[in-house]
PDB file of N, CA and C in Angstrom:
ATOM      1  N   MET A   1     119.902  94.726 108.076  1.00  0.00           N
ATOM      2  CA  MET A   1     118.675  95.338 107.590  1.00  0.00           C
ATOM      3  C   MET A   1     117.468  94.534 108.083  1.00  0.00           C
ATOM      4  N   SER A   2     116.588  95.170 108.826  1.00  0.00           N
ATOM      5  CA  SER A   2     115.432  94.465 109.365  1.00  0.00           C
ATOM      6  C   SER A   2     114.305  94.424 108.332  1.00  0.00           C
ATOM      7  N   LYS A   3     113.483  93.394 108.442  1.00  0.00           N
ATOM      8  CA  LYS A   3     112.380  93.227 107.512  1.00  0.00           C
ATOM      9  C   LYS A   3     111.171  93.997 108.017  1.00  0.00           C
ATOM     10  N   LYS A   4     110.364  94.477 107.083  1.00  0.00           N
ATOM     11  CA  LYS A   4     109.164  95.228 107.449  1.00  0.00           C
ATOM     12  C   LYS A   4     108.151  94.281 108.095  1.00  0.00           C
ATOM     13  N   GLU A   5     107.478  94.791 109.115  1.00  0.00           N
ATOM     14  CA  GLU A   5     106.404  94.051 109.770  1.00  0.00           C
ATOM     15  C   GLU A   5     105.190  94.960 109.851  1.00  0.00           C
ATOM     16  N   THR A   6     104.021  94.384 109.704  1.00  0.00           N
ATOM     17  CA  THR A   6     102.793  95.156 109.796  1.00  0.00           C
ATOM     18  C   THR A   6     101.660  94.246 110.253  1.00  0.00           C
ATOM     19  N   TYR A   7     100.537  94.862 110.614  1.00  0.00           N
ATOM     20  CA  TYR A   7      99.363  94.148 111.103  1.00  0.00           C
ATOM     21  C   TYR A   7      98.221  94.330 110.127  1.00  0.00           C
ATOM     22  N   GLY A   8      97.388  93.309 109.995  1.00  0.00           N
ATOM     23  CA  GLY A   8      96.248  93.415 109.096  1.00  0.00           C
ATOM     24  C   GLY A   8      95.198  92.384 109.430  1.00  0.00           C
ATOM     25  N   ILE A   9      94.133  92.391 108.620  1.00  0.00           N
ATOM     26  CA  ILE A   9      93.003  91.486 108.810  1.00  0.00           C
ATOM     27  C   ILE A   9      92.892  90.589 107.582  1.00  0.00           C
ATOM     28  N   VAL A  10      92.703  89.293 107.823  1.00  0.00           N
ATOM     29  CA  VAL A  10      92.575  88.334 106.732  1.00  0.00           C
ATOM     30  C   VAL A  10      91.226  88.547 106.036  1.00  0.00           C
ATOM     31  N   VAL A  11      91.260  88.777 104.716  1.00  0.00           N
ATOM     32  CA  VAL A  11      90.026  88.981 103.965  1.00  0.00           C
ATOM     33  C   VAL A  11      89.702  87.808 103.046  1.00  0.00           C
ATOM     34  N   SER A  12      90.690  86.924 102.812  1.00  0.00           N
ATOM     35  CA  SER A  12      90.439  85.746 101.982  1.00  0.00           C
ATOM     36  C   SER A  12      91.419  84.643 102.363  1.00  0.00           C
ATOM     37  N   ASN A  13      90.920  83.402 102.387  1.00  0.00           N
ATOM     38  CA  ASN A  13      91.787  82.256 102.652  1.00  0.00           C
ATOM     39  C   ASN A  13      91.463  81.106 101.703  1.00  0.00           C
ATOM     40  N   LYS A  14      91.031  81.422 100.500  1.00  0.00           N
ATOM     41  CA  LYS A  14      90.588  80.394  99.559  1.00  0.00           C
ATOM     42  C   LYS A  14      91.744  79.641  98.912  1.00  0.00           C
ATOM     43  N   MET A  15      92.927  80.225  98.931  1.00  0.00           N
ATOM     44  CA  MET A  15      94.080  79.572  98.310  1.00  0.00           C
ATOM     45  C   MET A  15      94.753  78.626  99.303  1.00  0.00           C
ATOM     46  N   ASP A  16      95.544  77.695  98.775  1.00  0.00           N
ATOM     47  CA  ASP A  16      96.252  76.753  99.632  1.00  0.00           C
ATOM     48  C   ASP A  16      97.532  77.402 100.147  1.00  0.00           C
ATOM     49  N   LYS A  17      97.673  77.459 101.477  1.00  0.00           N
ATOM     50  CA  LYS A  17      98.845  78.027 102.159  1.00  0.00           C
ATOM     51  C   LYS A  17      99.061  79.506 101.848  1.00  0.00           C
ATOM     52  N   THR A  18      98.015  80.202 101.444  1.00  0.00           N
ATOM     53  CA  THR A  18      98.112  81.634 101.154  1.00  0.00           C
ATOM     54  C   THR A  18      96.866  82.331 101.673  1.00  0.00           C
ATOM     55  N   VAL A  19      97.050  83.492 102.287  1.00  0.00           N
ATOM     56  CA  VAL A  19      95.923  84.325 102.708  1.00  0.00           C
ATOM     57  C   VAL A  19      96.110  85.727 102.148  1.00  0.00           C
ATOM     58  N   THR A  20      94.998  86.410 101.953  1.00  0.00           N
ATOM     59  CA  THR A  20      95.035  87.801 101.544  1.00  0.00           C
ATOM     60  C   THR A  20      94.794  88.643 102.784  1.00  0.00           C
ATOM     61  N   VAL A  21      95.726  89.568 103.059  1.00  0.00           N
ATOM     62  CA  VAL A  21      95.662  90.391 104.261  1.00  0.00           C
ATOM     63  C   VAL A  21      95.469  91.839 103.856  1.00  0.00           C
ATOM     64  N   ALA A  22      94.447  92.488 104.422  1.00  0.00           N
ATOM     65  CA  ALA A  22      94.195  93.906 104.171  1.00  0.00           C
ATOM     66  C   ALA A  22      94.837  94.723 105.293  1.00  0.00           C
ATOM     67  N   VAL A  23      95.708  95.630 104.902  1.00  0.00           N
ATOM     68  CA  VAL A  23      96.415  96.486 105.857  1.00  0.00           C
ATOM     69  C   VAL A  23      95.919  97.912 105.663  1.00  0.00           C
ATOM     70  N   LYS A  24      95.349  98.482 106.722  1.00  0.00           N
ATOM     71  CA  LYS A  24      94.840  99.852 106.664  1.00  0.00           C
ATOM     72  C   LYS A  24      95.822 100.790 107.340  1.00  0.00           C
ATOM     73  N   ARG A  25      95.993 101.982 106.752  1.00  0.00           N
ATOM     74  CA  ARG A  25      96.852 102.995 107.364  1.00  0.00           C
ATOM     75  C   ARG A  25      96.249 104.364 107.121  1.00  0.00           C
ATOM     76  N   GLN A  26      96.525 105.277 108.035  1.00  0.00           N
ATOM     77  CA  GLN A  26      95.994 106.633 107.934  1.00  0.00           C
ATOM     78  C   GLN A  26      97.043 107.543 107.321  1.00  0.00           C
ATOM     79  N   VAL A  27      96.633 108.290 106.287  1.00  0.00           N
ATOM     80  CA  VAL A  27      97.530 109.249 105.646  1.00  0.00           C
ATOM     81  C   VAL A  27      96.791 110.561 105.469  1.00  0.00           C
ATOM     82  N   ALA A  28      97.543 111.639 105.484  1.00  0.00           N
ATOM     83  CA  ALA A  28      96.946 112.961 105.279  1.00  0.00           C
ATOM     84  C   ALA A  28      96.990 113.297 103.794  1.00  0.00           C
ATOM     85  N   HIS A  29      95.902 113.880 103.280  1.00  0.00           N
ATOM     86  CA  HIS A  29      95.860 114.337 101.901  1.00  0.00           C
ATOM     87  C   HIS A  29      96.900 115.434 101.708  1.00  0.00           C
ATOM     88  N   LYS A  30      97.627 115.389 100.600  1.00  0.00           N
ATOM     89  CA  LYS A  30      98.727 116.338 100.405  1.00  0.00           C
ATOM     90  C   LYS A  30      98.262 117.795 100.391  1.00  0.00           C
ATOM     91  N   LYS A  31      97.154 118.049  99.726  1.00  0.00           N
ATOM     92  CA  LYS A  31      96.701 119.438  99.600  1.00  0.00           C
ATOM     93  C   LYS A  31      95.749 119.833 100.721  1.00  0.00           C
ATOM     94  N   TYR A  32      94.764 118.997 100.996  1.00  0.00           N
ATOM     95  CA  TYR A  32      93.694 119.385 101.924  1.00  0.00           C
ATOM     96  C   TYR A  32      93.935 118.931 103.366  1.00  0.00           C
ATOM     97  N   LYS A  33      94.943 118.114 103.605  1.00  0.00           N
ATOM     98  CA  LYS A  33      95.326 117.671 104.940  1.00  0.00           C
ATOM     99  C   LYS A  33      94.259 116.847 105.664  1.00  0.00           C
ATOM    100  N   LYS A  34      93.253 116.379 104.930  1.00  0.00           N
ATOM    101  CA  LYS A  34      92.249 115.525 105.553  1.00  0.00           C
ATOM    102  C   LYS A  34      92.844 114.135 105.766  1.00  0.00           C
ATOM    103  N   ILE A  35      92.547 113.535 106.912  1.00  0.00           N
ATOM    104  CA  ILE A  35      93.032 112.193 107.206  1.00  0.00           C
ATOM    105  C   ILE A  35      92.180 111.184 106.441  1.00  0.00           C
ATOM    106  N   MET A  36      92.846 110.354 105.640  1.00  0.00           N
ATOM    107  CA  MET A  36      92.160 109.329 104.860  1.00  0.00           C
ATOM    108  C   MET A  36      92.696 107.962 105.267  1.00  0.00           C
ATOM    109  N   ILE A  37      91.888 106.942 105.044  1.00  0.00           N
ATOM    110  CA  ILE A  37      92.324 105.579 105.324  1.00  0.00           C
ATOM    111  C   ILE A  37      92.648 104.912 103.995  1.00  0.00           C
ATOM    112  N   LYS A  38      93.902 104.487 103.854  1.00  0.00           N
ATOM    113  CA  LYS A  38      94.342 103.765 102.662  1.00  0.00           C
ATOM    114  C   LYS A  38      94.414 102.290 103.009  1.00  0.00           C
ATOM    115  N   THR A  39      93.996 101.440 102.086  1.00  0.00           N
ATOM    116  CA  THR A  39      94.033  99.998 102.292  1.00  0.00           C
ATOM    117  C   THR A  39      94.917  99.355 101.239  1.00  0.00           C
ATOM    118  N   ASN A  40      95.857  98.538 101.696  1.00  0.00           N
ATOM    119  CA  ASN A  40      96.676  97.741 100.797  1.00  0.00           C
ATOM    120  C   ASN A  40      96.398  96.277 101.075  1.00  0.00           C
ATOM    121  N   LYS A  41      96.331  95.465 100.017  1.00  0.00           N
ATOM    122  CA  LYS A  41      96.137  94.032 100.175  1.00  0.00           C
ATOM    123  C   LYS A  41      97.443  93.323  99.835  1.00  0.00           C
ATOM    124  N   TYR A  42      97.825  92.401 100.687  1.00  0.00           N
ATOM    125  CA  TYR A  42      99.042  91.632 100.470  1.00  0.00           C
ATOM    126  C   TYR A  42      98.715  90.151 100.509  1.00  0.00           C
ATOM    127  N   TYR A  43      99.387  89.370  99.661  1.00  0.00           N
ATOM    128  CA  TYR A  43      99.324  87.921  99.749  1.00  0.00           C
ATOM    129  C   TYR A  43     100.395  87.474 100.727  1.00  0.00           C
ATOM    130  N   ALA A  44     100.009  86.671 101.706  1.00  0.00           N
ATOM    131  CA  ALA A  44     100.946  86.221 102.731  1.00  0.00           C
ATOM    132  C   ALA A  44     100.924  84.696 102.821  1.00  0.00           C
ATOM    133  N   HIS A  45     102.086  84.129 103.090  1.00  0.00           N
ATOM    134  CA  HIS A  45     102.242  82.674 103.193  1.00  0.00           C
ATOM    135  C   HIS A  45     101.791  82.202 104.575  1.00  0.00           C
ATOM    136  N   ASP A  46     100.823  81.295 104.582  1.00  0.00           N
ATOM    137  CA  ASP A  46     100.297  80.705 105.820  1.00  0.00           C
ATOM    138  C   ASP A  46     100.522  79.204 105.735  1.00  0.00           C
ATOM    139  N   ASP A  47     101.652  78.743 106.253  1.00  0.00           N
ATOM    140  CA  ASP A  47     102.094  77.364 106.044  1.00  0.00           C
ATOM    141  C   ASP A  47     101.122  76.327 106.587  1.00  0.00           C
ATOM    142  N   SER A  48     100.485  76.618 107.712  1.00  0.00           N
ATOM    143  CA  SER A  48      99.626  75.612 108.349  1.00  0.00           C
ATOM    144  C   SER A  48      98.139  75.785 108.013  1.00  0.00           C
ATOM    145  N   ASN A  49      97.801  76.715 107.159  1.00  0.00           N
ATOM    146  CA  ASN A  49      96.402  76.978 106.777  1.00  0.00           C
ATOM    147  C   ASN A  49      95.510  77.218 107.997  1.00  0.00           C
ATOM    148  N   GLN A  50      96.014  77.930 109.009  1.00  0.00           N
ATOM    149  CA  GLN A  50      95.248  78.132 110.243  1.00  0.00           C
ATOM    150  C   GLN A  50      94.436  79.421 110.238  1.00  0.00           C
ATOM    151  N   CYS A  51      94.754  80.372 109.380  1.00  0.00           N
ATOM    152  CA  CYS A  51      94.070  81.676 109.383  1.00  0.00           C
ATOM    153  C   CYS A  51      92.686  81.572 108.761  1.00  0.00           C
ATOM    154  N   GLN A  52      91.729  82.220 109.402  1.00  0.00           N
ATOM    155  CA  GLN A  52      90.366  82.291 108.902  1.00  0.00           C
ATOM    156  C   GLN A  52      90.032  83.739 108.577  1.00  0.00           C
ATOM    157  N   ILE A  53      88.973  83.955 107.818  1.00  0.00           N
ATOM    158  CA  ILE A  53      88.553  85.308 107.459  1.00  0.00           C
ATOM    159  C   ILE A  53      88.181  86.069 108.730  1.00  0.00           C
ATOM    160  N   GLY A  54      88.679  87.291 108.853  1.00  0.00           N
ATOM    161  CA  GLY A  54      88.407  88.119 110.017  1.00  0.00           C
ATOM    162  C   GLY A  54      89.483  88.066 111.077  1.00  0.00           C
ATOM    163  N   ASP A  55      90.432  87.141 110.967  1.00  0.00           N
ATOM    164  CA  ASP A  55      91.517  87.043 111.946  1.00  0.00           C
ATOM    165  C   ASP A  55      92.465  88.233 111.810  1.00  0.00           C
ATOM    166  N   ARG A  56      92.987  88.670 112.950  1.00  0.00           N
ATOM    167  CA  ARG A  56      94.000  89.725 112.962  1.00  0.00           C
ATOM    168  C   ARG A  56      95.367  89.060 113.000  1.00  0.00           C
ATOM    169  N   VAL A  57      96.242  89.422 112.043  1.00  0.00           N
ATOM    170  CA  VAL A  57      97.534  88.752 111.928  1.00  0.00           C
ATOM    171  C   VAL A  57      98.669  89.759 111.821  1.00  0.00           C
ATOM    172  N   LYS A  58      99.868  89.285 112.154  1.00  0.00           N
ATOM    173  CA  LYS A  58     101.088  90.064 111.984  1.00  0.00           C
ATOM    174  C   LYS A  58     101.840  89.433 110.819  1.00  0.00           C
ATOM    175  N   ILE A  59     102.230  90.254 109.829  1.00  0.00           N
ATOM    176  CA  ILE A  59     102.934  89.732 108.668  1.00  0.00           C
ATOM    177  C   ILE A  59     104.295  90.396 108.538  1.00  0.00           C
ATOM    178  N   GLN A  60     105.226  89.671 107.919  1.00  0.00           N
ATOM    179  CA  GLN A  60     106.592  90.163 107.764  1.00  0.00           C
ATOM    180  C   GLN A  60     107.017  89.973 106.311  1.00  0.00           C
ATOM    181  N   GLU A  61     107.733  90.966 105.795  1.00  0.00           N
ATOM    182  CA  GLU A  61     108.226  90.899 104.429  1.00  0.00           C
ATOM    183  C   GLU A  61     109.281  89.799 104.308  1.00  0.00           C
ATOM    184  N   THR A  62     109.295  89.115 103.167  1.00  0.00           N
ATOM    185  CA  THR A  62     110.246  88.038 102.941  1.00  0.00           C
ATOM    186  C   THR A  62     110.646  88.029 101.470  1.00  0.00           C
ATOM    187  N   ARG A  63     111.492  87.082 101.111  1.00  0.00           N
ATOM    188  CA  ARG A  63     111.880  86.974  99.705  1.00  0.00           C
ATOM    189  C   ARG A  63     110.668  86.587  98.874  1.00  0.00           C
ATOM    190  N   PRO A  64     110.669  86.823  97.570  1.00  0.00           N
ATOM    191  CA  PRO A  64     109.515  86.428  96.750  1.00  0.00           C
ATOM    192  C   PRO A  64     109.283  84.922  96.797  1.00  0.00           C
ATOM    193  N   LEU A  65     108.062  84.543  97.176  1.00  0.00           N
ATOM    194  CA  LEU A  65     107.696  83.137  97.247  1.00  0.00           C
ATOM    195  C   LEU A  65     106.950  82.699  95.997  1.00  0.00           C
ATOM    196  N   SER A  66     106.337  83.646  95.302  1.00  0.00           N
ATOM    197  CA  SER A  66     105.667  83.390  94.034  1.00  0.00           C
ATOM    198  C   SER A  66     105.557  84.737  93.318  1.00  0.00           C
ATOM    199  N   LYS A  67     104.771  84.787  92.277  1.00  0.00           N
ATOM    200  CA  LYS A  67     104.661  86.026  91.494  1.00  0.00           C
ATOM    201  C   LYS A  67     104.193  87.207  92.344  1.00  0.00           C
ATOM    202  N   ASN A  68     103.202  86.982  93.208  1.00  0.00           N
ATOM    203  CA  ASN A  68     102.622  88.069  93.997  1.00  0.00           C
ATOM    204  C   ASN A  68     102.876  87.958  95.499  1.00  0.00           C
ATOM    205  N   LYS A  69     103.413  86.851  95.951  1.00  0.00           N
ATOM    206  CA  LYS A  69     103.500  86.591  97.396  1.00  0.00           C
ATOM    207  C   LYS A  69     104.891  86.933  97.927  1.00  0.00           C
ATOM    208  N   HIS A  70     104.963  88.011  98.751  1.00  0.00           N
ATOM    209  CA  HIS A  70     106.235  88.454  99.317  1.00  0.00           C
ATOM    210  C   HIS A  70     106.155  88.660 100.829  1.00  0.00           C
ATOM    211  N   TRP A  71     105.148  88.092 101.483  1.00  0.00           N
ATOM    212  CA  TRP A  71     104.949  88.281 102.920  1.00  0.00           C
ATOM    213  C   TRP A  71     104.718  86.935 103.587  1.00  0.00           C
ATOM    214  N   ASN A  72     105.058  86.861 104.862  1.00  0.00           N
ATOM    215  CA  ASN A  72     104.872  85.666 105.691  1.00  0.00           C
ATOM    216  C   ASN A  72     103.978  86.019 106.868  1.00  0.00           C
ATOM    217  N   VAL A  73     103.052  85.118 107.226  1.00  0.00           N
ATOM    218  CA  VAL A  73     102.273  85.292 108.451  1.00  0.00           C
ATOM    219  C   VAL A  73     103.148  84.830 109.606  1.00  0.00           C
ATOM    220  N   ILE A  74     103.458  85.763 110.528  1.00  0.00           N
ATOM    221  CA  ILE A  74     104.310  85.433 111.665  1.00  0.00           C
ATOM    222  C   ILE A  74     103.479  84.975 112.852  1.00  0.00           C
ATOM    223  N   GLU A  75     102.388  85.694 113.090  1.00  0.00           N
ATOM    224  CA  GLU A  75     101.665  85.494 114.338  1.00  0.00           C
ATOM    225  C   GLU A  75     100.179  85.710 114.101  1.00  0.00           C
ATOM    226  N   LEU A  76      99.381  84.819 114.659  1.00  0.00           N
ATOM    227  CA  LEU A  76      97.928  84.964 114.658  1.00  0.00           C
ATOM    228  C   LEU A  76      97.552  85.642 115.963  1.00  0.00           C
ATOM    229  N   ILE A  77      97.136  86.904 115.887  1.00  0.00           N
ATOM    230  CA  ILE A  77      96.912  87.693 117.095  1.00  0.00           C
ATOM    231  C   ILE A  77      95.544  87.413 117.706  1.00  0.00           C
ATOM    232  N   LYS A  78      94.496  87.476 116.868  1.00  0.00           N
ATOM    233  CA  LYS A  78      93.149  87.324 117.402  1.00  0.00           C
ATOM    234  C   LYS A  78      92.295  86.568 116.412  1.00  0.00           C
ATOM    235  N   LYS A  79      91.619  85.553 116.898  1.00  0.00           N
ATOM    236  CA  LYS A  79      90.723  84.788 116.018  1.00  0.00           C
ATOM    237  C   LYS A  79      89.391  85.458 115.905  1.00  0.00           C
TER     238      LYS A  79
END
């Protein structure tokens, strides 16, 4: 079973070894079929504290690391 991977933008890095990543996706409204942008925020583990606000990152699902943190930062794509 492969782990989920997704791309997002770092919106907060105030915590130690943790960043908040906003992941945007396009979905169609069930009734009206209009394309909407949904945003989900995930807490991701950043072991080296290298991510800054505005960075584009790739995150991967992992085992629960804390109450809210279930994702790992795999790759820093763009600073």
